[in-house]
Amino acid sequence: MSDEFICIRCARHQSTCCQDSDIHVTLEDVRRIARHRAESGGENSDFTEFRTPAYSVYDQSIEDPFWHGHVLHPDGTRRVLQQKENRDCTFLGEQGCVLPAETRPLVCRLYPFDYGAEGILPRLASGCPVELLAPGKDLITELQMSADHAEKLRAQLYVEICETEG
C-alpha cells in the first residue's frame, strides 16, 4: 500500500463520495461557495438545483426526522449541488474537490462521520474504502479529522438547515 492520500487511492479504485451522491447544501453553504467564486474570479453561475432524492438512503424521515423536516421541501425536493452529466459533483476536478476545505458544503466536510440531530454517531458513514488504508492506519487519522471538530461542523450544519429562504 502506498503512502499516497486515501482519497486519491479511492478515486483510482472506485467511485468516490463526490460521484453519484446527492450533496445537500444549506443557504450558508451557497453563500460561502458564491463568495469564494467571486473572490477567485471564477464563474458565478448557479451551482445548485432542487431535486428529489435519487436513492432511499437520502430519505431520513425515520432515522433523523429533524433533518427530514428541515431539508425536504413540501414537494419532496431539496437543494443539492448540481452534477455533471456523468453524475460527478460539479466541483469535482482531476485532483479532487476544487473548493478550498473551508468553503466546501458542511456535509462534505463532515464525511465520513455519520451524524444526526443529537450528535456524531458511533459508526462511520458507509462508502469510504477502509480496505484501501495502509496496514495499521485508521480512517479518521488518515483523513486528519477529529470527532470534536466533526461535532462542531455537525452543530453548525443543524443550525444552518433551519434557515429558510426568504
N, C-alpha and C. Protein backbone atom coordinates (compact mmCIF):
# COMPACT_ATOMS: atom_id res chain seq x y z
N MET A 1 0.86 -1.19 0.00
CA MET A 1 0.00 0.00 0.00
C MET A 1 0.90 1.24 0.00
N SER A 2 0.62 2.18 -0.84
CA SER A 2 1.47 3.35 -0.95
C SER A 2 1.14 4.37 0.14
N ASP A 3 1.97 5.41 0.21
CA ASP A 3 1.76 6.47 1.20
C ASP A 3 0.87 7.58 0.66
N GLU A 4 0.35 7.43 -0.56
CA GLU A 4 -0.49 8.49 -1.09
C GLU A 4 -1.80 8.58 -0.30
N PHE A 5 -2.41 9.74 -0.35
CA PHE A 5 -3.63 10.02 0.40
C PHE A 5 -4.75 9.07 -0.03
N ILE A 6 -5.55 8.64 0.94
CA ILE A 6 -6.59 7.64 0.68
C ILE A 6 -7.61 8.11 -0.36
N CYS A 7 -7.93 9.39 -0.41
CA CYS A 7 -8.92 9.87 -1.38
C CYS A 7 -8.41 9.69 -2.81
N ILE A 8 -7.11 9.82 -3.01
CA ILE A 8 -6.53 9.60 -4.34
C ILE A 8 -6.63 8.12 -4.69
N ARG A 9 -6.29 7.24 -3.74
CA ARG A 9 -6.41 5.79 -3.99
C ARG A 9 -7.86 5.42 -4.25
N CYS A 10 -8.77 6.00 -3.50
CA CYS A 10 -10.20 5.71 -3.66
C CYS A 10 -10.65 6.08 -5.07
N ALA A 11 -10.30 7.27 -5.51
CA ALA A 11 -10.73 7.74 -6.83
C ALA A 11 -10.21 6.83 -7.94
N ARG A 12 -9.07 6.26 -7.73
CA ARG A 12 -8.48 5.38 -8.74
C ARG A 12 -9.11 3.99 -8.75
N HIS A 13 -9.67 3.57 -7.60
CA HIS A 13 -10.17 2.20 -7.48
C HIS A 13 -11.69 2.06 -7.56
N GLN A 14 -12.42 3.12 -7.30
CA GLN A 14 -13.88 3.01 -7.27
C GLN A 14 -14.50 4.39 -7.30
N SER A 15 -15.81 4.44 -7.30
CA SER A 15 -16.48 5.73 -7.23
C SER A 15 -16.19 6.37 -5.88
N THR A 16 -16.08 7.68 -5.89
CA THR A 16 -15.82 8.41 -4.65
C THR A 16 -17.11 8.97 -4.09
N CYS A 17 -17.02 9.57 -2.92
CA CYS A 17 -18.18 10.21 -2.29
C CYS A 17 -18.63 11.43 -3.08
N CYS A 18 -17.82 11.87 -4.03
CA CYS A 18 -18.15 13.03 -4.86
C CYS A 18 -18.83 12.62 -6.17
N GLN A 19 -19.05 11.33 -6.32
CA GLN A 19 -19.67 10.81 -7.53
C GLN A 19 -20.97 10.11 -7.17
N ASP A 20 -21.96 10.34 -7.97
CA ASP A 20 -23.23 9.64 -7.81
C ASP A 20 -23.85 9.86 -6.43
N SER A 21 -23.54 11.02 -5.80
CA SER A 21 -24.10 11.35 -4.49
C SER A 21 -24.89 12.64 -4.57
N ASP A 22 -26.00 12.68 -3.86
CA ASP A 22 -26.75 13.93 -3.73
C ASP A 22 -26.14 14.71 -2.57
N ILE A 23 -25.55 15.85 -2.87
CA ILE A 23 -24.86 16.63 -1.85
C ILE A 23 -25.72 17.82 -1.46
N HIS A 24 -26.38 17.69 -0.30
CA HIS A 24 -27.23 18.77 0.20
C HIS A 24 -26.39 19.97 0.57
N VAL A 25 -26.90 21.16 0.22
CA VAL A 25 -26.22 22.40 0.60
C VAL A 25 -27.21 23.32 1.30
N THR A 26 -26.73 23.94 2.36
CA THR A 26 -27.53 24.92 3.08
C THR A 26 -27.43 26.27 2.36
N LEU A 27 -28.29 27.20 2.75
CA LEU A 27 -28.19 28.54 2.18
C LEU A 27 -26.83 29.16 2.50
N GLU A 28 -26.30 28.89 3.69
CA GLU A 28 -24.98 29.44 4.05
C GLU A 28 -23.87 28.76 3.23
N ASP A 29 -24.01 27.46 2.93
CA ASP A 29 -23.05 26.80 2.02
C ASP A 29 -23.05 27.53 0.68
N VAL A 30 -24.24 27.83 0.18
CA VAL A 30 -24.37 28.52 -1.11
C VAL A 30 -23.66 29.87 -1.05
N ARG A 31 -23.86 30.60 0.03
CA ARG A 31 -23.21 31.91 0.17
C ARG A 31 -21.68 31.76 0.25
N ARG A 32 -21.20 30.78 1.01
CA ARG A 32 -19.75 30.57 1.13
C ARG A 32 -19.14 30.27 -0.24
N ILE A 33 -19.78 29.38 -0.98
CA ILE A 33 -19.26 28.99 -2.29
C ILE A 33 -19.32 30.17 -3.25
N ALA A 34 -20.42 30.90 -3.26
CA ALA A 34 -20.56 32.06 -4.15
C ALA A 34 -19.51 33.13 -3.83
N ARG A 35 -19.26 33.37 -2.53
CA ARG A 35 -18.22 34.34 -2.14
C ARG A 35 -16.85 33.90 -2.66
N HIS A 36 -16.55 32.62 -2.45
CA HIS A 36 -15.26 32.10 -2.91
C HIS A 36 -15.12 32.27 -4.42
N ARG A 37 -16.16 31.94 -5.15
CA ARG A 37 -16.10 32.02 -6.61
C ARG A 37 -15.94 33.46 -7.05
N ALA A 38 -16.62 34.39 -6.38
CA ALA A 38 -16.49 35.81 -6.73
C ALA A 38 -15.08 36.31 -6.41
N GLU A 39 -14.55 35.94 -5.25
CA GLU A 39 -13.22 36.39 -4.84
C GLU A 39 -12.12 35.81 -5.72
N SER A 40 -12.33 34.61 -6.24
CA SER A 40 -11.30 33.97 -7.06
C SER A 40 -11.48 34.27 -8.54
N GLY A 41 -12.48 35.11 -8.86
CA GLY A 41 -12.70 35.49 -10.25
C GLY A 41 -13.31 34.37 -11.08
N GLY A 42 -13.84 33.38 -10.40
CA GLY A 42 -14.44 32.26 -11.10
C GLY A 42 -15.83 32.56 -11.58
N GLU A 43 -16.35 31.64 -12.35
CA GLU A 43 -17.71 31.75 -12.87
C GLU A 43 -18.68 31.77 -11.70
N ASN A 44 -19.66 32.64 -11.76
CA ASN A 44 -20.60 32.74 -10.66
C ASN A 44 -22.00 32.30 -11.08
N SER A 45 -22.05 31.30 -11.95
CA SER A 45 -23.35 30.77 -12.35
C SER A 45 -23.91 29.91 -11.22
N ASP A 46 -25.17 29.58 -11.37
CA ASP A 46 -25.81 28.76 -10.34
C ASP A 46 -25.17 27.37 -10.31
N PHE A 47 -24.99 26.84 -9.14
CA PHE A 47 -24.36 25.54 -8.98
C PHE A 47 -25.22 24.61 -8.13
N THR A 48 -26.45 25.04 -7.84
CA THR A 48 -27.37 24.19 -7.09
C THR A 48 -28.63 23.97 -7.90
N GLU A 49 -29.40 22.99 -7.45
CA GLU A 49 -30.70 22.73 -8.03
C GLU A 49 -31.56 22.05 -6.97
N PHE A 50 -32.84 22.01 -7.21
CA PHE A 50 -33.75 21.32 -6.30
C PHE A 50 -34.13 20.01 -6.97
N ARG A 51 -33.91 18.91 -6.24
CA ARG A 51 -34.15 17.58 -6.78
C ARG A 51 -34.73 16.69 -5.70
N THR A 52 -35.51 15.71 -6.11
CA THR A 52 -35.97 14.70 -5.17
C THR A 52 -34.81 13.73 -4.94
N PRO A 53 -34.75 13.09 -3.78
CA PRO A 53 -33.68 12.13 -3.51
C PRO A 53 -33.67 11.01 -4.56
N ALA A 54 -32.48 10.75 -5.08
CA ALA A 54 -32.33 9.69 -6.09
C ALA A 54 -32.35 8.31 -5.45
N TYR A 55 -31.94 8.22 -4.19
CA TYR A 55 -31.83 6.93 -3.52
C TYR A 55 -32.52 7.01 -2.16
N SER A 56 -33.06 5.90 -1.73
CA SER A 56 -33.78 5.87 -0.46
C SER A 56 -32.90 6.21 0.73
N VAL A 57 -31.58 6.03 0.61
CA VAL A 57 -30.68 6.35 1.72
C VAL A 57 -30.79 7.84 2.09
N TYR A 58 -31.23 8.67 1.15
CA TYR A 58 -31.35 10.09 1.43
C TYR A 58 -32.68 10.46 2.09
N ASP A 59 -33.57 9.49 2.27
CA ASP A 59 -34.83 9.74 2.96
C ASP A 59 -34.59 9.50 4.45
N GLN A 60 -34.49 10.58 5.19
CA GLN A 60 -34.16 10.50 6.61
C GLN A 60 -35.39 10.63 7.51
N SER A 61 -36.57 10.34 7.00
CA SER A 61 -37.80 10.57 7.76
C SER A 61 -37.85 9.78 9.05
N ILE A 62 -37.28 8.59 9.07
CA ILE A 62 -37.31 7.77 10.28
C ILE A 62 -36.02 7.95 11.08
N GLU A 63 -34.89 7.85 10.41
CA GLU A 63 -33.60 7.90 11.11
C GLU A 63 -33.32 9.28 11.71
N ASP A 64 -33.68 10.35 11.02
CA ASP A 64 -33.43 11.70 11.51
C ASP A 64 -34.57 12.61 11.09
N PRO A 65 -35.70 12.56 11.81
CA PRO A 65 -36.86 13.36 11.42
C PRO A 65 -36.59 14.87 11.44
N PHE A 66 -35.66 15.34 12.28
CA PHE A 66 -35.34 16.76 12.30
C PHE A 66 -34.76 17.17 10.95
N TRP A 67 -33.79 16.40 10.47
CA TRP A 67 -33.18 16.64 9.15
C TRP A 67 -34.27 16.62 8.08
N HIS A 68 -35.05 15.56 8.09
CA HIS A 68 -36.10 15.38 7.10
C HIS A 68 -37.06 16.58 7.10
N GLY A 69 -37.43 17.05 8.27
CA GLY A 69 -38.37 18.15 8.38
C GLY A 69 -37.83 19.49 7.94
N HIS A 70 -36.51 19.65 7.97
CA HIS A 70 -35.92 20.94 7.63
C HIS A 70 -35.28 20.97 6.24
N VAL A 71 -34.93 19.83 5.71
CA VAL A 71 -34.21 19.80 4.44
C VAL A 71 -35.16 19.58 3.25
N LEU A 72 -36.12 18.69 3.41
CA LEU A 72 -37.04 18.41 2.31
C LEU A 72 -38.14 19.47 2.24
N HIS A 73 -38.40 19.95 1.06
CA HIS A 73 -39.49 20.90 0.83
C HIS A 73 -40.80 20.12 0.71
N PRO A 74 -41.93 20.79 0.82
CA PRO A 74 -43.21 20.08 0.73
C PRO A 74 -43.38 19.24 -0.54
N ASP A 75 -42.72 19.65 -1.63
CA ASP A 75 -42.83 18.88 -2.88
C ASP A 75 -41.85 17.71 -2.94
N GLY A 76 -41.09 17.48 -1.86
CA GLY A 76 -40.15 16.35 -1.80
C GLY A 76 -38.77 16.63 -2.34
N THR A 77 -38.52 17.87 -2.78
CA THR A 77 -37.19 18.22 -3.29
C THR A 77 -36.35 18.83 -2.17
N ARG A 78 -35.07 18.91 -2.43
CA ARG A 78 -34.15 19.63 -1.53
C ARG A 78 -33.02 20.19 -2.36
N ARG A 79 -32.33 21.20 -1.82
CA ARG A 79 -31.25 21.89 -2.53
C ARG A 79 -30.00 21.02 -2.50
N VAL A 80 -29.48 20.71 -3.67
CA VAL A 80 -28.27 19.91 -3.78
C VAL A 80 -27.34 20.56 -4.80
N LEU A 81 -26.08 20.16 -4.75
CA LEU A 81 -25.14 20.62 -5.77
C LEU A 81 -25.50 19.98 -7.11
N GLN A 82 -25.34 20.75 -8.16
CA GLN A 82 -25.56 20.20 -9.49
C GLN A 82 -24.51 19.12 -9.76
N GLN A 83 -24.84 18.27 -10.69
CA GLN A 83 -23.92 17.22 -11.09
C GLN A 83 -23.62 17.35 -12.58
N LYS A 84 -22.45 16.85 -12.94
CA LYS A 84 -22.08 16.79 -14.35
C LYS A 84 -22.90 15.67 -14.99
N GLU A 85 -22.80 15.55 -16.29
CA GLU A 85 -23.57 14.52 -16.99
C GLU A 85 -23.31 13.11 -16.47
N ASN A 86 -22.08 12.85 -16.01
CA ASN A 86 -21.73 11.52 -15.50
C ASN A 86 -22.06 11.35 -14.01
N ARG A 87 -22.76 12.31 -13.42
CA ARG A 87 -23.20 12.35 -12.01
C ARG A 87 -22.08 12.72 -11.04
N ASP A 88 -20.92 13.17 -11.52
CA ASP A 88 -19.89 13.71 -10.64
C ASP A 88 -20.37 15.05 -10.10
N CYS A 89 -19.94 15.37 -8.89
CA CYS A 89 -20.21 16.69 -8.33
C CYS A 89 -19.66 17.76 -9.27
N THR A 90 -20.37 18.85 -9.39
CA THR A 90 -19.93 19.94 -10.25
C THR A 90 -18.57 20.50 -9.86
N PHE A 91 -18.15 20.30 -8.60
CA PHE A 91 -16.87 20.80 -8.13
C PHE A 91 -15.77 19.73 -8.07
N LEU A 92 -16.02 18.57 -8.62
CA LEU A 92 -15.01 17.51 -8.64
C LEU A 92 -14.11 17.70 -9.84
N GLY A 93 -12.82 17.92 -9.55
CA GLY A 93 -11.83 18.06 -10.62
C GLY A 93 -10.92 16.85 -10.64
N GLU A 94 -9.90 16.89 -11.47
CA GLU A 94 -8.99 15.75 -11.61
C GLU A 94 -8.22 15.45 -10.33
N GLN A 95 -7.98 16.46 -9.51
CA GLN A 95 -7.23 16.29 -8.27
C GLN A 95 -8.14 16.29 -7.05
N GLY A 96 -9.43 16.11 -7.25
CA GLY A 96 -10.38 16.13 -6.14
C GLY A 96 -11.22 17.38 -6.18
N CYS A 97 -11.71 17.79 -5.03
CA CYS A 97 -12.58 18.96 -4.95
C CYS A 97 -11.80 20.23 -5.28
N VAL A 98 -12.39 21.07 -6.12
CA VAL A 98 -11.73 22.31 -6.49
C VAL A 98 -11.99 23.43 -5.48
N LEU A 99 -12.87 23.18 -4.53
CA LEU A 99 -13.16 24.19 -3.50
C LEU A 99 -12.18 24.03 -2.33
N PRO A 100 -11.75 25.14 -1.73
CA PRO A 100 -10.93 25.04 -0.52
C PRO A 100 -11.74 24.34 0.58
N ALA A 101 -11.07 23.65 1.47
CA ALA A 101 -11.74 22.87 2.52
C ALA A 101 -12.76 23.69 3.30
N GLU A 102 -12.43 24.93 3.65
CA GLU A 102 -13.32 25.74 4.47
C GLU A 102 -14.53 26.28 3.69
N THR A 103 -14.53 26.10 2.40
CA THR A 103 -15.63 26.57 1.55
C THR A 103 -16.58 25.44 1.18
N ARG A 104 -16.14 24.22 1.28
CA ARG A 104 -16.95 23.07 0.89
C ARG A 104 -18.23 22.98 1.72
N PRO A 105 -19.28 22.38 1.15
CA PRO A 105 -20.51 22.19 1.94
C PRO A 105 -20.21 21.45 3.24
N LEU A 106 -20.96 21.77 4.28
CA LEU A 106 -20.73 21.15 5.58
C LEU A 106 -20.85 19.63 5.52
N VAL A 107 -21.80 19.10 4.74
CA VAL A 107 -21.93 17.65 4.67
C VAL A 107 -20.67 17.01 4.08
N CYS A 108 -20.00 17.70 3.18
CA CYS A 108 -18.75 17.18 2.62
C CYS A 108 -17.63 17.21 3.66
N ARG A 109 -17.57 18.29 4.42
CA ARG A 109 -16.53 18.41 5.44
C ARG A 109 -16.74 17.40 6.57
N LEU A 110 -17.96 16.98 6.79
CA LEU A 110 -18.26 16.01 7.85
C LEU A 110 -17.97 14.56 7.43
N TYR A 111 -18.04 14.27 6.15
CA TYR A 111 -17.88 12.90 5.69
C TYR A 111 -16.48 12.40 5.99
N PRO A 112 -16.32 11.21 6.53
CA PRO A 112 -17.22 10.07 6.63
C PRO A 112 -17.87 9.90 8.01
N PHE A 113 -17.89 10.96 8.82
CA PHE A 113 -18.61 10.83 10.09
C PHE A 113 -20.10 10.69 9.79
N ASP A 114 -20.77 9.84 10.53
CA ASP A 114 -22.22 9.72 10.44
C ASP A 114 -22.79 10.53 11.60
N TYR A 115 -23.92 11.14 11.42
CA TYR A 115 -24.44 12.07 12.43
C TYR A 115 -25.95 12.14 12.35
N GLY A 116 -26.51 12.74 13.36
CA GLY A 116 -27.94 13.01 13.43
C GLY A 116 -28.14 14.27 14.24
N ALA A 117 -29.38 14.59 14.52
CA ALA A 117 -29.69 15.81 15.26
C ALA A 117 -29.07 15.80 16.66
N GLU A 118 -28.89 14.63 17.21
CA GLU A 118 -28.36 14.52 18.58
C GLU A 118 -26.84 14.56 18.65
N GLY A 119 -26.15 14.34 17.54
CA GLY A 119 -24.70 14.39 17.58
C GLY A 119 -24.06 13.42 16.61
N ILE A 120 -22.75 13.28 16.77
CA ILE A 120 -21.97 12.35 15.95
C ILE A 120 -22.30 10.93 16.41
N LEU A 121 -22.56 10.06 15.44
CA LEU A 121 -22.92 8.67 15.76
C LEU A 121 -21.66 7.83 15.95
N PRO A 122 -21.76 6.72 16.67
CA PRO A 122 -20.58 5.91 16.95
C PRO A 122 -20.04 5.14 15.74
N ARG A 123 -20.77 5.14 14.65
CA ARG A 123 -20.31 4.43 13.44
C ARG A 123 -19.95 5.47 12.37
N LEU A 124 -19.12 5.06 11.45
CA LEU A 124 -18.81 5.92 10.32
C LEU A 124 -19.84 5.68 9.22
N ALA A 125 -20.04 6.68 8.39
CA ALA A 125 -20.93 6.52 7.23
C ALA A 125 -20.32 5.47 6.31
N SER A 126 -21.18 4.78 5.61
CA SER A 126 -20.67 3.78 4.68
C SER A 126 -20.13 4.47 3.44
N GLY A 127 -19.29 3.78 2.74
CA GLY A 127 -18.80 4.30 1.46
C GLY A 127 -17.32 4.54 1.40
N CYS A 128 -16.68 4.90 2.50
CA CYS A 128 -15.24 5.11 2.46
C CYS A 128 -14.56 3.75 2.40
N PRO A 129 -13.61 3.58 1.51
CA PRO A 129 -13.00 2.27 1.30
C PRO A 129 -11.89 1.97 2.31
N VAL A 130 -12.27 1.53 3.48
CA VAL A 130 -11.27 1.26 4.51
C VAL A 130 -10.30 0.17 4.08
N GLU A 131 -10.68 -0.66 3.12
CA GLU A 131 -9.77 -1.70 2.63
C GLU A 131 -8.57 -1.11 1.90
N LEU A 132 -8.63 0.17 1.53
CA LEU A 132 -7.50 0.82 0.87
C LEU A 132 -6.54 1.49 1.84
N LEU A 133 -6.86 1.43 3.12
CA LEU A 133 -5.97 2.02 4.13
C LEU A 133 -4.69 1.20 4.24
N ALA A 134 -3.60 1.89 4.54
CA ALA A 134 -2.34 1.21 4.79
C ALA A 134 -2.50 0.39 6.07
N PRO A 135 -1.81 -0.74 6.18
CA PRO A 135 -1.91 -1.56 7.39
C PRO A 135 -1.62 -0.74 8.64
N GLY A 136 -2.47 -0.90 9.66
CA GLY A 136 -2.29 -0.22 10.92
C GLY A 136 -2.84 1.19 10.97
N LYS A 137 -3.40 1.68 9.87
CA LYS A 137 -3.96 3.04 9.85
C LYS A 137 -5.48 2.97 10.00
N ASP A 138 -6.05 3.98 10.62
CA ASP A 138 -7.50 4.05 10.70
C ASP A 138 -7.96 5.27 9.90
N LEU A 139 -9.20 5.23 9.46
CA LEU A 139 -9.73 6.21 8.53
C LEU A 139 -9.69 7.63 9.05
N ILE A 140 -10.11 7.84 10.27
CA ILE A 140 -10.19 9.19 10.81
C ILE A 140 -8.79 9.81 10.95
N THR A 141 -7.82 9.01 11.36
CA THR A 141 -6.44 9.51 11.45
C THR A 141 -5.90 9.81 10.05
N GLU A 142 -6.16 8.91 9.12
CA GLU A 142 -5.70 9.09 7.74
C GLU A 142 -6.28 10.38 7.14
N LEU A 143 -7.53 10.66 7.44
CA LEU A 143 -8.18 11.86 6.90
C LEU A 143 -7.87 13.12 7.72
N GLN A 144 -7.12 12.95 8.80
CA GLN A 144 -6.73 14.05 9.69
C GLN A 144 -7.96 14.79 10.21
N MET A 145 -8.92 14.00 10.70
CA MET A 145 -10.16 14.55 11.26
C MET A 145 -10.22 14.22 12.74
N SER A 146 -11.03 14.97 13.45
CA SER A 146 -11.26 14.64 14.85
C SER A 146 -12.77 14.67 15.12
N ALA A 147 -13.19 13.87 16.05
CA ALA A 147 -14.61 13.83 16.42
C ALA A 147 -15.06 15.17 16.99
N ASP A 148 -14.18 15.86 17.72
CA ASP A 148 -14.54 17.17 18.27
C ASP A 148 -14.82 18.19 17.16
N HIS A 149 -13.94 18.21 16.17
CA HIS A 149 -14.13 19.13 15.04
C HIS A 149 -15.39 18.74 14.27
N ALA A 150 -15.58 17.44 14.06
CA ALA A 150 -16.78 16.97 13.37
C ALA A 150 -18.04 17.40 14.11
N GLU A 151 -18.02 17.33 15.42
CA GLU A 151 -19.20 17.74 16.20
C GLU A 151 -19.48 19.23 16.01
N LYS A 152 -18.44 20.05 15.94
CA LYS A 152 -18.65 21.49 15.70
C LYS A 152 -19.28 21.72 14.34
N LEU A 153 -18.80 21.00 13.34
CA LEU A 153 -19.37 21.12 12.00
C LEU A 153 -20.82 20.62 11.97
N ARG A 154 -21.09 19.52 12.67
CA ARG A 154 -22.44 18.96 12.72
C ARG A 154 -23.40 19.95 13.37
N ALA A 155 -22.97 20.56 14.47
CA ALA A 155 -23.81 21.55 15.15
C ALA A 155 -24.08 22.74 14.23
N GLN A 156 -23.06 23.19 13.53
CA GLN A 156 -23.22 24.30 12.58
C GLN A 156 -24.19 23.89 11.47
N LEU A 157 -24.07 22.69 10.97
CA LEU A 157 -24.97 22.19 9.92
C LEU A 157 -26.42 22.22 10.37
N TYR A 158 -26.67 21.76 11.59
CA TYR A 158 -28.05 21.71 12.07
C TYR A 158 -28.61 23.10 12.35
N VAL A 159 -27.77 24.08 12.64
CA VAL A 159 -28.24 25.46 12.74
C VAL A 159 -28.57 25.97 11.32
N GLU A 160 -27.69 25.68 10.38
CA GLU A 160 -27.88 26.17 9.02
C GLU A 160 -29.07 25.55 8.31
N ILE A 161 -29.40 24.29 8.59
CA ILE A 161 -30.55 23.71 7.88
C ILE A 161 -31.87 24.31 8.35
N CYS A 162 -31.83 25.02 9.46
CA CYS A 162 -33.05 25.68 9.96
C CYS A 162 -33.33 26.99 9.24
N GLU A 163 -32.34 27.53 8.55
CA GLU A 163 -32.54 28.79 7.83
C GLU A 163 -33.42 28.53 6.61
N THR A 164 -34.44 29.33 6.48
CA THR A 164 -35.33 29.18 5.33
C THR A 164 -35.11 30.33 4.35
N GLU A 165 -35.49 30.08 3.14
CA GLU A 165 -35.35 31.11 2.11
C GLU A 165 -36.41 32.16 2.34
N GLY A 166 -35.99 33.38 2.14
CA GLY A 166 -36.99 34.41 2.37
C GLY A 166 -36.56 35.68 1.90
